[in-house]
N, C-alpha and C. Protein backbone atom coordinates (compact mmCIF):
# COMPACT_ATOMS: atom_id res chain seq x y z
N MET A 1 -9.36 -6.75 13.97
CA MET A 1 -10.06 -6.12 12.75
C MET A 1 -9.09 -5.53 11.85
N VAL A 2 -9.39 -6.11 10.38
CA VAL A 2 -9.03 -5.59 9.18
C VAL A 2 -9.25 -4.19 8.40
N LEU A 3 -8.43 -3.76 8.41
CA LEU A 3 -8.62 -2.20 7.57
C LEU A 3 -8.48 -2.50 6.32
N SER A 4 -9.46 -2.35 5.43
CA SER A 4 -9.39 -2.54 3.90
C SER A 4 -9.76 -1.44 3.18
N SER A 5 -9.27 -1.19 2.26
CA SER A 5 -9.48 -0.04 1.03
C SER A 5 -9.63 -0.43 -0.53
N LYS A 6 -10.45 -0.24 -1.38
CA LYS A 6 -10.68 -0.70 -2.56
C LYS A 6 -10.20 0.62 -3.39
N THR A 7 -9.51 0.40 -4.41
CA THR A 7 -8.80 1.76 -5.49
C THR A 7 -9.41 0.62 -6.80
N SER A 8 -9.89 1.74 -7.58
CA SER A 8 -10.06 0.73 -9.03
C SER A 8 -8.76 2.27 -10.12
N LEU A 9 -8.56 1.41 -11.00
CA LEU A 9 -7.50 2.13 -12.18
C LEU A 9 -7.77 1.19 -13.01
N ARG A 10 -7.31 1.62 -14.51
CA ARG A 10 -7.21 1.40 -15.46
C ARG A 10 -5.76 0.99 -16.03
N VAL A 11 -5.71 0.04 -16.99
CA VAL A 11 -3.90 -0.14 -17.30
C VAL A 11 -3.73 0.85 -18.29
N ARG A 12 -2.81 1.42 -18.15
CA ARG A 12 -2.42 2.49 -18.88
C ARG A 12 -1.42 1.70 -20.12
N TYR A 13 -1.13 2.21 -21.10
CA TYR A 13 -0.69 1.91 -22.19
C TYR A 13 1.01 1.74 -21.73
N SER A 14 1.55 2.43 -21.46
CA SER A 14 2.73 3.04 -20.83
C SER A 14 2.83 1.73 -19.95
N GLU A 15 2.32 1.10 -19.22
CA GLU A 15 2.22 0.13 -18.06
C GLU A 15 2.82 -1.33 -18.92
N THR A 16 2.48 -1.31 -20.16
CA THR A 16 2.68 -2.66 -20.50
C THR A 16 4.02 -3.00 -21.20
N ASP A 17 4.33 -4.05 -21.66
CA ASP A 17 5.57 -4.50 -22.11
C ASP A 17 4.79 -4.28 -24.07
N GLN A 18 6.19 -4.86 -24.88
CA GLN A 18 5.59 -5.36 -26.24
C GLN A 18 4.20 -6.00 -26.52
N MET A 19 4.43 -7.23 -25.60
CA MET A 19 2.96 -8.22 -25.75
C MET A 19 1.96 -7.87 -25.49
N GLY A 20 1.96 -6.40 -25.00
CA GLY A 20 0.26 -5.68 -24.37
C GLY A 20 0.27 -6.39 -23.17
N ILE A 21 1.39 -7.08 -22.19
CA ILE A 21 0.90 -7.21 -21.04
C ILE A 21 1.51 -6.22 -19.97
N VAL A 22 0.80 -6.31 -19.12
CA VAL A 22 1.86 -5.09 -17.71
C VAL A 22 2.94 -5.22 -17.11
N TYR A 23 3.72 -4.80 -17.10
CA TYR A 23 4.95 -5.00 -16.87
C TYR A 23 5.03 -5.49 -15.57
N HIS A 24 6.05 -6.18 -14.67
CA HIS A 24 5.44 -6.61 -13.34
C HIS A 24 6.31 -5.74 -12.28
N ALA A 25 7.18 -4.69 -12.60
CA ALA A 25 7.20 -4.01 -11.45
C ALA A 25 6.02 -3.21 -11.27
N ASN A 26 4.90 -2.86 -12.29
CA ASN A 26 3.79 -2.00 -12.12
C ASN A 26 2.98 -2.25 -10.95
N TYR A 27 2.93 -3.87 -10.66
CA TYR A 27 2.14 -3.74 -9.42
C TYR A 27 2.68 -3.34 -8.35
N LEU A 28 3.74 -3.47 -7.98
CA LEU A 28 4.07 -2.72 -7.32
C LEU A 28 4.09 -1.02 -6.74
N VAL A 29 3.71 -0.44 -8.15
CA VAL A 29 3.52 0.58 -8.10
C VAL A 29 1.77 0.84 -7.61
N TRP A 30 1.08 -0.19 -8.27
CA TRP A 30 0.00 -0.11 -7.94
C TRP A 30 -0.58 0.05 -6.20
N PHE A 31 0.42 -1.27 -5.77
CA PHE A 31 0.16 -1.39 -4.22
C PHE A 31 0.47 0.11 -3.72
N GLU A 32 1.42 0.81 -4.02
CA GLU A 32 1.46 1.94 -3.47
C GLU A 32 0.13 2.41 -3.52
N VAL A 33 -0.55 2.81 -4.67
CA VAL A 33 -1.52 3.27 -4.94
C VAL A 33 -2.40 3.18 -3.76
N GLY A 34 -2.61 1.77 -4.01
CA GLY A 34 -4.03 1.17 -2.72
C GLY A 34 -3.23 1.65 -1.20
N ARG A 35 -2.47 1.78 -1.06
CA ARG A 35 -1.49 1.80 0.70
C ARG A 35 -1.87 3.41 0.65
N SER A 36 -1.61 4.30 -0.50
CA SER A 36 -1.96 5.41 -0.25
C SER A 36 -3.54 6.06 0.39
N GLU A 37 -4.20 5.29 -0.63
CA GLU A 37 -6.02 5.27 -0.60
C GLU A 37 -6.30 5.14 0.56
N LEU A 38 -5.42 3.91 0.92
CA LEU A 38 -6.23 3.17 2.44
C LEU A 38 -5.69 4.45 3.56
N PHE A 39 -4.28 5.18 3.51
CA PHE A 39 -4.40 5.66 4.36
C PHE A 39 -5.86 7.25 4.27
N ARG A 40 -5.33 7.61 2.82
CA ARG A 40 -6.29 8.87 2.95
C ARG A 40 -7.58 8.46 3.51
N GLU A 41 -7.98 7.14 3.38
CA GLU A 41 -9.47 7.13 3.97
C GLU A 41 -9.36 7.21 5.29
N LEU A 42 -8.65 6.81 6.24
CA LEU A 42 -7.72 7.40 7.34
C LEU A 42 -8.22 8.28 8.07
N ASN A 43 -8.05 9.35 6.80
CA ASN A 43 -7.63 10.65 6.66
C ASN A 43 -6.40 10.90 7.24
N LEU A 44 -5.37 10.14 7.33
CA LEU A 44 -3.97 10.01 7.22
C LEU A 44 -2.99 10.32 5.95
N PRO A 45 -3.32 11.01 5.19
CA PRO A 45 -2.65 10.99 4.19
C PRO A 45 -0.88 11.21 4.23
N TYR A 46 -0.32 10.48 3.70
CA TYR A 46 1.41 10.35 3.64
C TYR A 46 1.48 11.55 4.19
N THR A 47 1.19 12.81 3.40
CA THR A 47 2.28 14.29 3.39
C THR A 47 1.81 14.49 4.89
N GLN A 48 0.53 14.09 6.12
CA GLN A 48 1.05 14.13 7.14
C GLN A 48 1.88 13.75 7.68
N PHE A 49 2.33 12.53 7.53
CA PHE A 49 3.68 11.92 7.93
C PHE A 49 4.75 12.68 7.71
N GLU A 50 4.74 13.21 6.34
CA GLU A 50 5.95 13.76 5.89
C GLU A 50 6.17 15.37 6.50
N GLU A 51 4.94 16.00 6.63
CA GLU A 51 4.86 17.20 7.56
C GLU A 51 5.63 16.96 8.85
N GLN A 52 5.54 15.78 9.15
CA GLN A 52 6.08 15.81 10.65
C GLN A 52 7.92 14.79 10.66
N GLY A 53 8.28 14.88 9.35
CA GLY A 53 9.70 14.24 9.13
C GLY A 53 9.46 12.78 9.49
N LEU A 54 8.34 12.19 8.92
CA LEU A 54 8.34 10.78 9.10
C LEU A 54 8.31 10.20 7.76
N GLY A 55 8.47 9.13 7.08
CA GLY A 55 8.31 8.28 6.26
C GLY A 55 7.93 6.62 6.55
N LEU A 56 7.63 6.17 5.02
CA LEU A 56 7.33 4.85 5.92
C LEU A 56 7.83 4.22 4.72
N ALA A 57 9.43 3.59 5.07
CA ALA A 57 10.27 2.95 4.20
C ALA A 57 9.87 1.44 3.86
N VAL A 58 9.82 1.02 2.57
CA VAL A 58 9.59 -0.35 2.21
C VAL A 58 11.06 -1.01 2.58
N ILE A 59 10.60 -2.34 3.42
CA ILE A 59 11.88 -2.96 3.57
C ILE A 59 11.93 -4.58 3.42
N GLU A 60 10.41 -4.76 2.92
CA GLU A 60 10.17 -6.45 2.39
C GLU A 60 8.93 -5.87 1.31
N ALA A 61 9.07 -6.89 0.15
CA ALA A 61 8.09 -6.96 -0.58
C ALA A 61 8.17 -7.65 -1.93
N SER A 62 6.67 -8.39 -1.67
CA SER A 62 6.85 -9.55 -2.57
C SER A 62 5.31 -9.29 -3.67
N CYS A 63 5.44 -10.33 -4.74
CA CYS A 63 4.34 -10.12 -5.54
C CYS A 63 4.02 -11.59 -5.98
N ARG A 64 2.59 -12.16 -6.10
CA ARG A 64 2.75 -13.30 -6.95
C ARG A 64 1.69 -13.14 -8.08
N TYR A 65 2.29 -13.38 -9.37
CA TYR A 65 1.37 -13.39 -10.45
C TYR A 65 0.55 -14.00 -10.97
N ARG A 66 -0.64 -14.44 -10.60
CA ARG A 66 -1.44 -15.47 -11.04
C ARG A 66 -1.80 -15.31 -12.99
N LYS A 67 -2.46 -14.34 -13.30
CA LYS A 67 -2.80 -14.27 -14.54
C LYS A 67 -2.46 -12.70 -14.78
N PRO A 68 -2.43 -12.43 -16.16
CA PRO A 68 -1.50 -11.11 -16.97
C PRO A 68 -2.77 -10.20 -17.06
N ALA A 69 -2.44 -8.89 -16.58
CA ALA A 69 -3.19 -7.61 -16.82
C ALA A 69 -2.71 -7.10 -17.95
N ARG A 70 -3.77 -6.49 -18.96
CA ARG A 70 -3.31 -6.16 -20.27
C ARG A 70 -4.16 -4.56 -20.25
N TYR A 71 -3.34 -3.96 -21.70
CA TYR A 71 -3.59 -2.62 -21.69
C TYR A 71 -5.27 -2.30 -22.04
N ASP A 72 -5.55 -1.49 -20.98
CA ASP A 72 -7.00 -0.91 -20.89
C ASP A 72 -7.93 -1.85 -20.10
N ASP A 73 -7.28 -2.94 -19.14
CA ASP A 73 -7.76 -3.64 -18.19
C ASP A 73 -8.28 -2.62 -16.95
N GLU A 74 -9.77 -3.08 -16.54
CA GLU A 74 -10.57 -2.25 -15.45
C GLU A 74 -9.96 -2.72 -14.14
N LEU A 75 -8.99 -2.96 -13.27
CA LEU A 75 -8.79 -3.18 -12.59
C LEU A 75 -9.24 -2.59 -10.79
N VAL A 76 -9.27 -3.44 -9.85
CA VAL A 76 -9.30 -3.53 -8.47
C VAL A 76 -8.51 -3.44 -7.65
N ILE A 77 -7.42 -2.83 -7.09
CA ILE A 77 -6.94 -3.19 -5.77
C ILE A 77 -7.33 -3.04 -4.67
N ILE A 78 -7.27 -4.15 -4.14
CA ILE A 78 -7.81 -4.60 -2.39
C ILE A 78 -6.77 -4.25 -1.73
N THR A 79 -6.56 -3.12 -1.13
CA THR A 79 -5.29 -3.51 0.13
C THR A 79 -5.92 -3.33 1.31
N GLU A 80 -5.29 -4.10 2.77
CA GLU A 80 -5.48 -4.40 3.72
C GLU A 80 -4.31 -4.47 4.58
N MET A 81 -4.38 -3.39 5.83
CA MET A 81 -3.61 -2.91 6.94
C MET A 81 -3.67 -4.11 7.31
N ASP A 82 -2.50 -5.23 7.22
CA ASP A 82 -2.74 -6.76 8.00
C ASP A 82 -1.94 -6.34 9.60
N GLN A 83 -1.09 -4.96 9.92
CA GLN A 83 -0.46 -4.83 11.22
C GLN A 83 0.11 -3.56 11.39
N ILE A 84 -0.17 -2.68 12.62
CA ILE A 84 0.47 -1.48 12.22
C ILE A 84 0.93 -1.60 13.79
N SER A 85 2.07 -0.90 14.16
CA SER A 85 2.47 -0.78 15.22
C SER A 85 3.00 0.88 15.70
N SER A 86 3.78 1.16 16.33
CA SER A 86 4.52 2.14 16.82
C SER A 86 5.70 2.46 15.64
N ARG A 87 5.84 0.90 15.19
CA ARG A 87 7.52 1.52 14.52
C ARG A 87 7.03 0.52 12.88
N ALA A 88 6.18 -0.09 12.92
CA ALA A 88 6.53 -0.73 11.32
C ALA A 88 5.05 -0.87 10.98
N ALA A 89 4.45 -1.43 9.60
CA ALA A 89 3.25 -2.10 9.17
C ALA A 89 3.24 -2.90 8.38
N LYS A 90 2.54 -3.70 8.03
CA LYS A 90 2.60 -4.98 7.11
C LYS A 90 1.08 -4.81 6.35
N PHE A 91 1.31 -4.76 5.19
CA PHE A 91 -0.05 -4.44 4.09
C PHE A 91 0.12 -5.82 2.99
N SER A 92 -1.37 -6.16 2.65
CA SER A 92 -1.58 -7.07 2.14
C SER A 92 -2.06 -6.61 0.78
N TYR A 93 -1.84 -7.59 -0.70
CA TYR A 93 -2.99 -6.76 -1.98
C TYR A 93 -3.22 -8.03 -2.52
N ARG A 94 -4.81 -7.62 -3.23
CA ARG A 94 -4.84 -8.33 -3.96
C ARG A 94 -5.45 -7.50 -5.57
N VAL A 95 -4.91 -7.99 -6.85
CA VAL A 95 -5.27 -7.24 -7.54
C VAL A 95 -6.21 -8.05 -8.84
N TYR A 96 -7.62 -7.28 -8.86
CA TYR A 96 -8.57 -7.97 -9.32
C TYR A 96 -9.05 -7.76 -10.82
N ARG A 97 -9.13 -8.26 -11.76
CA ARG A 97 -10.18 -8.08 -13.12
C ARG A 97 -11.20 -8.69 -13.12
N GLU A 98 -12.53 -7.64 -12.72
CA GLU A 98 -13.30 -8.21 -12.52
C GLU A 98 -13.68 -9.24 -11.46
N GLU A 99 -13.78 -10.46 -11.61
CA GLU A 99 -13.61 -11.52 -10.13
C GLU A 99 -12.13 -12.42 -9.94
N ILE A 100 -11.68 -12.01 -11.22
CA ILE A 100 -10.67 -13.22 -11.80
C ILE A 100 -9.41 -12.28 -10.57
N LEU A 101 -8.53 -12.87 -9.92
CA LEU A 101 -7.19 -12.61 -9.01
C LEU A 101 -6.07 -12.82 -10.11
N LEU A 102 -5.75 -11.52 -10.36
CA LEU A 102 -4.32 -11.38 -11.50
C LEU A 102 -2.84 -11.49 -10.22
N ALA A 103 -3.12 -10.98 -9.34
CA ALA A 103 -2.08 -10.58 -8.26
C ALA A 103 -2.25 -10.36 -7.11
N GLU A 104 -1.23 -10.94 -6.31
CA GLU A 104 -1.71 -11.13 -4.84
C GLU A 104 -0.26 -10.69 -4.04
N GLY A 105 0.18 -9.85 -3.56
CA GLY A 105 1.29 -9.45 -2.56
C GLY A 105 1.59 -8.63 -1.35
N LYS A 106 2.66 -8.69 -0.43
CA LYS A 106 2.56 -8.15 0.61
C LYS A 106 3.61 -7.35 0.28
N THR A 107 3.41 -6.16 1.92
CA THR A 107 4.81 -5.26 1.69
C THR A 107 5.09 -5.14 3.53
N VAL A 108 5.94 -4.90 4.03
CA VAL A 108 6.10 -4.53 5.40
C VAL A 108 7.34 -3.07 5.15
N HIS A 109 6.94 -2.34 6.19
CA HIS A 109 7.53 -1.01 6.30
C HIS A 109 7.57 -0.75 7.55
N VAL A 110 8.58 0.28 7.81
CA VAL A 110 9.22 0.60 9.03
C VAL A 110 9.25 2.59 8.93
N PHE A 111 8.57 3.25 9.97
CA PHE A 111 8.72 4.41 10.07
C PHE A 111 9.84 4.65 10.35
N ILE A 112 10.31 5.94 9.36
CA ILE A 112 11.87 6.09 9.58
C ILE A 112 11.80 8.18 9.56
N ASN A 113 12.82 8.38 10.34
CA ASN A 113 12.67 10.29 10.69
C ASN A 113 13.63 10.68 9.31
N LYS A 114 13.52 12.01 9.22
CA LYS A 114 14.53 12.35 7.93
C LYS A 114 15.91 12.05 7.94
N GLU A 115 16.44 11.65 8.78
CA GLU A 115 18.06 11.09 8.74
C GLU A 115 17.52 9.88 8.20
N GLY A 116 16.82 8.98 7.79
CA GLY A 116 16.25 7.67 7.21
C GLY A 116 16.88 6.67 8.56
N ARG A 117 16.40 6.88 10.12
CA ARG A 117 16.87 5.97 10.92
C ARG A 117 15.12 5.68 11.28
N PRO A 118 15.17 4.38 11.94
CA PRO A 118 14.03 3.76 12.56
C PRO A 118 13.45 4.80 13.33
N ALA A 119 12.03 5.24 13.48
CA ALA A 119 11.54 6.09 13.91
C ALA A 119 10.20 5.66 15.33
N ASP A 120 10.22 5.99 16.28
CA ASP A 120 9.02 5.43 16.88
C ASP A 120 8.00 6.42 16.84
N VAL A 121 6.94 6.53 15.98
CA VAL A 121 5.81 7.19 15.93
C VAL A 121 5.03 7.53 17.22
N ARG A 122 5.43 7.13 18.37
CA ARG A 122 4.67 7.67 19.37
C ARG A 122 5.43 9.08 19.74
N LYS A 123 6.46 9.30 19.42
CA LYS A 123 7.17 10.49 19.66
C LYS A 123 6.59 11.71 18.82
N TYR A 124 5.78 11.31 17.76
CA TYR A 124 5.51 12.22 17.06
C TYR A 124 3.85 12.80 17.51
N GLU A 125 3.46 14.27 16.50
CA GLU A 125 2.52 14.77 16.68
C GLU A 125 1.07 13.67 16.51
N ILE A 126 1.40 12.98 15.38
CA ILE A 126 0.49 12.26 14.33
C ILE A 126 0.10 11.11 15.10
N TRP A 127 0.71 10.67 16.42
CA TRP A 127 0.53 9.53 17.12
C TRP A 127 -0.55 9.38 17.52
N PRO A 128 -1.32 10.44 18.15
CA PRO A 128 -3.10 10.12 19.03
C PRO A 128 -3.76 9.92 17.80
N ARG A 129 -3.60 10.28 16.43
CA ARG A 129 -4.67 9.70 15.15
C ARG A 129 -3.95 8.42 14.68
N LEU A 130 -3.05 7.99 15.05
CA LEU A 130 -3.41 6.68 14.72
C LEU A 130 -3.30 5.54 15.64
N GLU A 131 -3.02 6.01 16.66
CA GLU A 131 -3.39 5.02 18.03
C GLU A 131 -4.93 4.59 18.12
N PRO A 132 -6.01 5.25 17.44
CA PRO A 132 -6.90 4.25 17.24
C PRO A 132 -7.23 2.91 16.43
N ILE A 133 -6.47 3.35 15.32
CA ILE A 133 -6.20 2.25 13.88
C ILE A 133 -5.34 1.45 15.10
N LEU A 134 -4.42 1.37 15.49
CA LEU A 134 -4.03 0.04 16.51
C LEU A 134 -4.96 -0.51 17.34
N LYS A 135 -5.90 0.47 17.98
CA LYS A 135 -6.88 -0.25 18.48
C LYS A 135 -7.85 -1.05 18.16
N LYS A 136 -8.09 -0.79 16.64
CA LYS A 136 -9.05 -1.40 16.02
C LYS A 136 -8.53 -2.64 15.47
N GLN A 137 -7.34 -3.36 15.51
CA GLN A 137 -6.75 -4.58 15.26
C GLN A 137 -6.79 -5.71 16.38
N THR A 138 -6.82 -4.84 17.22
CA THR A 138 -7.39 -6.22 18.32
C THR A 138 -8.60 -6.58 18.51
């Protein structure tokens, strides 16, 4: 089972270049917005990880740009949790303007502790809340 979320946003002027086209790095920011919303919908906002001394560090990111987004476009970001374990998570993203696919990407993350070292989430209080999500994937 794939867990997914839809997030709507409107392109701000500051996200565009002089040609009025969204600067490429902003898609990665939008991926983070979608990821945060997905966790929020699962009733697991990032703040709950941080309160326990956990982070979710990006170790890999990719984006394929298909069509440009422009200032004031209304966009939808579809975020899917492709995989999650006690140590890592993988997500995929699609950015649409109406039914037009503008970009798609993936990110891979590892859980880290306060020292920035890889962490096993099973050793943290948040684990019982994450465990049902893992079971939904099978």
